[in-house]
């Protein structure tokens, strides 16, 4: 079984902040995620949900 990239809590935080139209930088700071993680895993936050 493959290990999850983010915890369930981080996924929930990211979704709620993206729906609130927060910037990617703000989302990563609040969810304690490295922007490098987003780059490595192929920009998993939909670009149409948030502005970079």
Protein backbone atom coordinates (compact mmCIF):
# COMPACT_ATOMS: atom_id res chain seq x y z
CA UNK A 1 0.00 0.00 0.00
CA UNK A 2 1.28 3.45 -0.92
CA UNK A 3 1.97 5.97 1.82
CA UNK A 4 -0.19 9.11 1.79
CA UNK A 5 1.53 12.32 0.74
CA UNK A 6 -0.35 14.41 3.28
CA UNK A 7 -2.24 13.68 6.46
CA UNK A 8 -6.03 13.69 6.45
CA UNK A 9 -5.96 16.90 8.50
CA UNK A 10 -3.69 18.63 5.97
CA UNK A 11 -6.00 17.59 3.11
CA UNK A 12 -9.02 19.07 4.90
CA UNK A 13 -7.19 22.33 5.66
CA UNK A 14 -6.04 22.68 2.05
CA UNK A 15 -9.53 22.08 0.63
CA UNK A 16 -11.21 24.55 3.01
CA UNK A 17 -8.61 27.26 2.36
CA UNK A 18 -8.76 26.73 -1.41
CA UNK A 19 -12.55 27.09 -1.31
CA UNK A 20 -12.02 30.35 0.60
CA UNK A 21 -9.88 31.57 -2.37
CA UNK A 22 -6.66 31.83 -0.35
CA UNK A 23 -3.32 32.03 -2.16
CA UNK A 24 -1.19 28.92 -2.48
CA UNK A 25 1.51 30.47 -0.30
CA UNK A 26 -1.01 31.13 2.51
CA UNK A 27 -2.48 27.64 2.20
CA UNK A 28 0.92 25.99 2.51
CA UNK A 29 1.87 28.12 5.51
CA UNK A 30 -1.34 27.29 7.38
CA UNK A 31 -1.27 23.58 6.50
CA UNK A 32 2.48 23.36 7.26
CA UNK A 33 3.34 22.05 3.78
CA UNK A 34 6.46 22.90 1.81
CA UNK A 35 5.89 24.56 -1.57
CA UNK A 36 8.49 22.09 -2.84
CA UNK A 37 6.03 19.30 -1.98
CA UNK A 38 3.50 20.83 -4.37
CA UNK A 39 6.13 21.06 -7.10
CA UNK A 40 7.38 17.49 -6.61
CA UNK A 41 3.90 15.97 -6.67
CA UNK A 42 2.72 17.85 -9.73
CA UNK A 43 0.77 20.86 -8.44
CA UNK A 44 -1.98 18.86 -6.76
CA UNK A 45 -3.89 22.01 -5.84
CA UNK A 46 -6.06 22.88 -8.81
CA UNK A 47 -4.91 26.16 -10.36
CA UNK A 48 -8.51 27.27 -10.97
CA UNK A 49 -9.30 27.11 -7.22
CA UNK A 50 -6.60 29.48 -6.02
CA UNK A 51 -4.43 32.22 -7.42
CA UNK A 52 -0.66 31.83 -7.31
